[in-house]
Amino acid sequence: MRTYDIRCKIGLRIKELRMDQGLSQEAFANLIGMSRSYFGEVETGRRNVAAINLEKIVKGLGITLEEFFHSDLFID
């Protein structure tokens, strides 16, 4: 497995779960009331995501934080 920093791991996980729901970045950002540009930077790992925004994303995905972090991406 490639080594990614935490921002990239979080972004990859968000992208995976968003795509599983068949939503574009823009559609999902609109759904959760977040700017598409900010969301896009979070998803690509170019921006740190604030805890409150991560909670908003996770709720928008319809999962818990525990479910979000239950991924091989977060196992070193």
C-alpha atoms as a PDB file:
ATOM      1  CA  MET A   1       0.000   0.000   0.000  1.00  0.00           C
ATOM      2  CA  ARG A   2       1.199   3.500  -0.783  1.00  0.00           C
ATOM      3  CA  THR A   3       1.970   5.796   2.106  1.00  0.00           C
ATOM      4  CA  TYR A   4      -0.252   8.864   2.260  1.00  0.00           C
ATOM      5  CA  ASP A   5      -0.392  11.657   4.794  1.00  0.00           C
ATOM      6  CA  ILE A   6      -3.541  11.921   6.876  1.00  0.00           C
ATOM      7  CA  ARG A   7      -5.050  14.641   4.672  1.00  0.00           C
ATOM      8  CA  CYS A   8      -4.789  12.372   1.629  1.00  0.00           C
ATOM      9  CA  LYS A   9      -6.157   9.372   3.527  1.00  0.00           C
ATOM     10  CA  ILE A  10      -9.184  11.345   4.674  1.00  0.00           C
ATOM     11  CA  GLY A  11      -9.713  12.721   1.177  1.00  0.00           C
ATOM     12  CA  LEU A  12      -9.469   9.301  -0.437  1.00  0.00           C
ATOM     13  CA  ARG A  13     -11.963   7.883   2.047  1.00  0.00           C
ATOM     14  CA  ILE A  14     -14.407  10.730   1.422  1.00  0.00           C
ATOM     15  CA  LYS A  15     -14.089  10.266  -2.331  1.00  0.00           C
ATOM     16  CA  GLU A  16     -14.622   6.507  -2.068  1.00  0.00           C
ATOM     17  CA  LEU A  17     -17.779   6.901   0.009  1.00  0.00           C
ATOM     18  CA  ARG A  18     -19.129   9.796  -2.073  1.00  0.00           C
ATOM     19  CA  MET A  19     -18.633   7.886  -5.302  1.00  0.00           C
ATOM     20  CA  ASP A  20     -20.339   4.823  -3.784  1.00  0.00           C
ATOM     21  CA  GLN A  21     -23.410   7.050  -3.481  1.00  0.00           C
ATOM     22  CA  GLY A  22     -23.094   8.174  -7.100  1.00  0.00           C
ATOM     23  CA  LEU A  23     -22.705  11.856  -6.236  1.00  0.00           C
ATOM     24  CA  SER A  24     -20.459  14.409  -7.891  1.00  0.00           C
ATOM     25  CA  GLN A  25     -18.301  16.690  -5.747  1.00  0.00           C
ATOM     26  CA  GLU A  26     -20.613  19.573  -6.547  1.00  0.00           C
ATOM     27  CA  ALA A  27     -23.818  17.676  -5.756  1.00  0.00           C
ATOM     28  CA  PHE A  28     -22.432  16.402  -2.453  1.00  0.00           C
ATOM     29  CA  ALA A  29     -21.016  19.792  -1.422  1.00  0.00           C
ATOM     30  CA  ASN A  30     -24.408  21.370  -2.134  1.00  0.00           C
ATOM     31  CA  LEU A  31     -26.156  18.613  -0.176  1.00  0.00           C
ATOM     32  CA  ILE A  32     -24.122  19.362   2.950  1.00  0.00           C
ATOM     33  CA  GLY A  33     -23.989  23.150   2.522  1.00  0.00           C
ATOM     34  CA  MET A  34     -20.262  23.365   1.825  1.00  0.00           C
ATOM     35  CA  SER A  35     -18.507  25.232  -0.955  1.00  0.00           C
ATOM     36  CA  ARG A  36     -17.482  22.922  -3.791  1.00  0.00           C
ATOM     37  CA  SER A  37     -13.990  24.425  -3.947  1.00  0.00           C
ATOM     38  CA  TYR A  38     -13.329  23.820  -0.233  1.00  0.00           C
ATOM     39  CA  PHE A  39     -14.791  20.327  -0.438  1.00  0.00           C
ATOM     40  CA  GLY A  40     -12.700  19.544  -3.528  1.00  0.00           C
ATOM     41  CA  GLU A  41      -9.512  20.617  -1.759  1.00  0.00           C
ATOM     42  CA  VAL A  42     -10.371  18.452   1.248  1.00  0.00           C
ATOM     43  CA  GLU A  43     -11.112  15.473  -0.984  1.00  0.00           C
ATOM     44  CA  THR A  44      -7.824  15.830  -2.866  1.00  0.00           C
ATOM     45  CA  GLY A  45      -5.819  16.223   0.352  1.00  0.00           C
ATOM     46  CA  ARG A  46      -4.734  19.794  -0.396  1.00  0.00           C
ATOM     47  CA  ARG A  47      -6.504  21.224   2.633  1.00  0.00           C
ATOM     48  CA  ASN A  48      -6.821  20.245   6.269  1.00  0.00           C
ATOM     49  CA  VAL A  49     -10.422  19.567   7.147  1.00  0.00           C
ATOM     50  CA  ALA A  50     -11.748  21.104  10.340  1.00  0.00           C
ATOM     51  CA  ALA A  51     -13.306  18.607  12.745  1.00  0.00           C
ATOM     52  CA  ILE A  52     -16.692  20.322  12.456  1.00  0.00           C
ATOM     53  CA  ASN A  53     -16.548  20.029   8.659  1.00  0.00           C
ATOM     54  CA  LEU A  54     -15.505  16.381   8.824  1.00  0.00           C
ATOM     55  CA  GLU A  55     -18.532  15.751  11.010  1.00  0.00           C
ATOM     56  CA  LYS A  56     -20.747  17.510   8.423  1.00  0.00           C
ATOM     57  CA  ILE A  57     -19.256  15.368   5.624  1.00  0.00           C
ATOM     58  CA  VAL A  58     -19.668  12.133   7.563  1.00  0.00           C
ATOM     59  CA  LYS A  59     -23.281  12.956   8.445  1.00  0.00           C
ATOM     60  CA  GLY A  60     -23.916  13.772   4.785  1.00  0.00           C
ATOM     61  CA  LEU A  61     -22.577  10.341   3.894  1.00  0.00           C
ATOM     62  CA  GLY A  62     -25.026   8.823   6.376  1.00  0.00           C
ATOM     63  CA  ILE A  63     -22.386   7.092   8.470  1.00  0.00           C
ATOM     64  CA  THR A  64     -20.684   7.503  11.844  1.00  0.00           C
ATOM     65  CA  LEU A  65     -17.136   8.711  12.429  1.00  0.00           C
ATOM     66  CA  GLU A  66     -16.310   5.184  13.549  1.00  0.00           C
ATOM     67  CA  GLU A  67     -17.536   3.799  10.219  1.00  0.00           C
ATOM     68  CA  PHE A  68     -15.646   6.515   8.349  1.00  0.00           C
ATOM     69  CA  PHE A  69     -12.329   5.600   9.975  1.00  0.00           C
ATOM     70  CA  HIS A  70     -12.962   1.846   9.682  1.00  0.00           C
ATOM     71  CA  SER A  71     -10.878   1.478   6.530  1.00  0.00           C
ATOM     72  CA  ASP A  72      -7.568  -0.051   5.555  1.00  0.00           C
ATOM     73  CA  LEU A  73      -6.453   3.488   4.646  1.00  0.00           C
ATOM     74  CA  PHE A  74      -6.079   4.271   8.354  1.00  0.00           C
ATOM     75  CA  ILE A  75      -4.092   1.155   9.267  1.00  0.00           C
ATOM     76  CA  ASP A  76      -0.342   1.651   9.215  1.00  0.00           C
END
